[in-house]
Amino acid sequence: YLELCKLVEQVLPRSKAFAPASYFLKVAAILSVAFFTEYYMHKHAFYKWYLTAPLGFVFALIGLNIQHDANHGAISRFWWV
């Protein structure tokens, strides 16, 4: 295990490998779709399956992409990001 950790550390140094700028573009796109879809649904009281099903998928993307990387500290060296 320790040998493997040393090999991985050579390729991906722990404190130097954080999310690139394209990651933040992906985050902005996912959060925008979630916000505007939910806003539209609540403003117009339009709760149809063809809006709620994709919204559930977008919420899963938030949890599986954004939150997962944030929990591992892979986004930034600053804890508040």
C-alpha atoms as a PDB file:
ATOM      1  CA  TYR A   1       0.000   0.000   0.000  1.00  0.00           C
ATOM      2  CA  LEU A   2       2.713   2.474   0.920  1.00  0.00           C
ATOM      3  CA  GLU A   3       4.574   1.666  -2.271  1.00  0.00           C
ATOM      4  CA  LEU A   4       1.474   2.374  -4.297  1.00  0.00           C
ATOM      5  CA  CYS A   5       0.974   5.657  -2.433  1.00  0.00           C
ATOM      6  CA  LYS A   6       4.525   6.733  -3.323  1.00  0.00           C
ATOM      7  CA  LEU A   7       3.969   5.919  -6.998  1.00  0.00           C
ATOM      8  CA  VAL A   8       0.699   7.830  -7.109  1.00  0.00           C
ATOM      9  CA  GLU A   9       2.280  10.764  -5.265  1.00  0.00           C
ATOM     10  CA  GLN A  10       4.893  11.058  -8.024  1.00  0.00           C
ATOM     11  CA  VAL A  11       2.217  11.379 -10.688  1.00  0.00           C
ATOM     12  CA  LEU A  12      -0.345  13.410  -8.707  1.00  0.00           C
ATOM     13  CA  PRO A  13       1.214  15.466  -5.919  1.00  0.00           C
ATOM     14  CA  ARG A  14      -1.332  15.932  -3.136  1.00  0.00           C
ATOM     15  CA  SER A  15      -1.263  19.679  -2.634  1.00  0.00           C
ATOM     16  CA  LYS A  16      -0.741  20.638  -6.282  1.00  0.00           C
ATOM     17  CA  ALA A  17      -3.533  18.849  -8.147  1.00  0.00           C
ATOM     18  CA  PHE A  18      -6.796  20.751  -7.864  1.00  0.00           C
ATOM     19  CA  ALA A  19      -9.723  21.318 -10.208  1.00  0.00           C
ATOM     20  CA  PRO A  20      -8.966  23.083 -13.517  1.00  0.00           C
ATOM     21  CA  ALA A  21     -10.950  26.072 -14.755  1.00  0.00           C
ATOM     22  CA  SER A  22     -13.129  23.812 -16.930  1.00  0.00           C
ATOM     23  CA  TYR A  23     -14.402  22.140 -13.764  1.00  0.00           C
ATOM     24  CA  PHE A  24     -15.865  25.426 -12.532  1.00  0.00           C
ATOM     25  CA  LEU A  25     -17.550  25.922 -15.907  1.00  0.00           C
ATOM     26  CA  LYS A  26     -19.151  22.480 -15.496  1.00  0.00           C
ATOM     27  CA  VAL A  27     -20.277  23.388 -11.971  1.00  0.00           C
ATOM     28  CA  ALA A  28     -21.806  26.644 -13.193  1.00  0.00           C
ATOM     29  CA  ALA A  29     -23.676  24.826 -15.971  1.00  0.00           C
ATOM     30  CA  ILE A  30     -25.063  22.105 -13.689  1.00  0.00           C
ATOM     31  CA  LEU A  31     -26.136  24.563 -10.990  1.00  0.00           C
ATOM     32  CA  SER A  32     -27.695  26.911 -13.562  1.00  0.00           C
ATOM     33  CA  VAL A  33     -29.782  24.125 -15.077  1.00  0.00           C
ATOM     34  CA  ALA A  34     -30.925  23.048 -11.614  1.00  0.00           C
ATOM     35  CA  PHE A  35     -31.777  26.571 -10.485  1.00  0.00           C
ATOM     36  CA  PHE A  36     -33.627  27.694 -13.606  1.00  0.00           C
ATOM     37  CA  THR A  37     -35.544  24.444 -14.017  1.00  0.00           C
ATOM     38  CA  GLU A  38     -36.738  24.527 -10.431  1.00  0.00           C
ATOM     39  CA  TYR A  39     -37.503  28.246 -10.633  1.00  0.00           C
ATOM     40  CA  TYR A  40     -39.590  27.712 -13.769  1.00  0.00           C
ATOM     41  CA  MET A  41     -41.473  24.802 -12.242  1.00  0.00           C
ATOM     42  CA  HIS A  42     -42.373  26.682  -9.052  1.00  0.00           C
ATOM     43  CA  LYS A  43     -43.152  30.016 -10.709  1.00  0.00           C
ATOM     44  CA  HIS A  44     -45.571  28.488 -13.216  1.00  0.00           C
ATOM     45  CA  ALA A  45     -46.788  25.611 -10.989  1.00  0.00           C
ATOM     46  CA  PHE A  46     -45.818  23.288 -13.816  1.00  0.00           C
ATOM     47  CA  TYR A  47     -44.895  19.972 -12.216  1.00  0.00           C
ATOM     48  CA  LYS A  48     -44.802  17.546 -15.124  1.00  0.00           C
ATOM     49  CA  TRP A  49     -42.735  14.378 -15.245  1.00  0.00           C
ATOM     50  CA  TYR A  50     -40.693  15.613 -18.202  1.00  0.00           C
ATOM     51  CA  LEU A  51     -39.359  18.448 -16.045  1.00  0.00           C
ATOM     52  CA  THR A  52     -39.106  16.672 -12.716  1.00  0.00           C
ATOM     53  CA  ALA A  53     -37.286  13.593 -14.046  1.00  0.00           C
ATOM     54  CA  PRO A  54     -34.412  15.569 -15.644  1.00  0.00           C
ATOM     55  CA  LEU A  55     -34.301  17.765 -12.545  1.00  0.00           C
ATOM     56  CA  GLY A  56     -33.794  14.663 -10.413  1.00  0.00           C
ATOM     57  CA  PHE A  57     -30.962  13.644 -12.725  1.00  0.00           C
ATOM     58  CA  VAL A  58     -29.385  17.100 -12.380  1.00  0.00           C
ATOM     59  CA  PHE A  59     -29.635  16.822  -8.583  1.00  0.00           C
ATOM     60  CA  ALA A  60     -27.871  13.464  -8.822  1.00  0.00           C
ATOM     61  CA  LEU A  61     -25.134  15.152 -10.884  1.00  0.00           C
ATOM     62  CA  ILE A  62     -24.727  17.743  -8.148  1.00  0.00           C
ATOM     63  CA  GLY A  63     -24.283  15.036  -5.527  1.00  0.00           C
ATOM     64  CA  LEU A  64     -22.126  12.699  -7.578  1.00  0.00           C
ATOM     65  CA  ASN A  65     -19.894  15.319  -9.184  1.00  0.00           C
ATOM     66  CA  ILE A  66     -19.734  18.542  -7.240  1.00  0.00           C
ATOM     67  CA  GLN A  67     -20.333  17.318  -3.694  1.00  0.00           C
ATOM     68  CA  HIS A  68     -18.198  14.218  -4.134  1.00  0.00           C
ATOM     69  CA  ASP A  69     -15.152  16.202  -5.269  1.00  0.00           C
ATOM     70  CA  ALA A  70     -15.715  18.805  -2.568  1.00  0.00           C
ATOM     71  CA  ASN A  71     -15.856  16.144   0.151  1.00  0.00           C
ATOM     72  CA  HIS A  72     -12.488  14.823  -0.981  1.00  0.00           C
ATOM     73  CA  GLY A  73     -10.943  18.293  -1.049  1.00  0.00           C
ATOM     74  CA  ALA A  74     -10.196  17.989  -4.756  1.00  0.00           C
ATOM     75  CA  ILE A  75     -11.582  21.348  -5.833  1.00  0.00           C
ATOM     76  CA  SER A  76      -9.345  23.852  -4.094  1.00  0.00           C
ATOM     77  CA  ARG A  77      -6.792  24.172  -1.355  1.00  0.00           C
ATOM     78  CA  PHE A  78      -9.199  26.521   0.428  1.00  0.00           C
ATOM     79  CA  TRP A  79     -11.767  24.742   2.594  1.00  0.00           C
ATOM     80  CA  TRP A  80     -14.537  27.290   1.912  1.00  0.00           C
ATOM     81  CA  VAL A  81     -14.485  26.615  -1.844  1.00  0.00           C
END
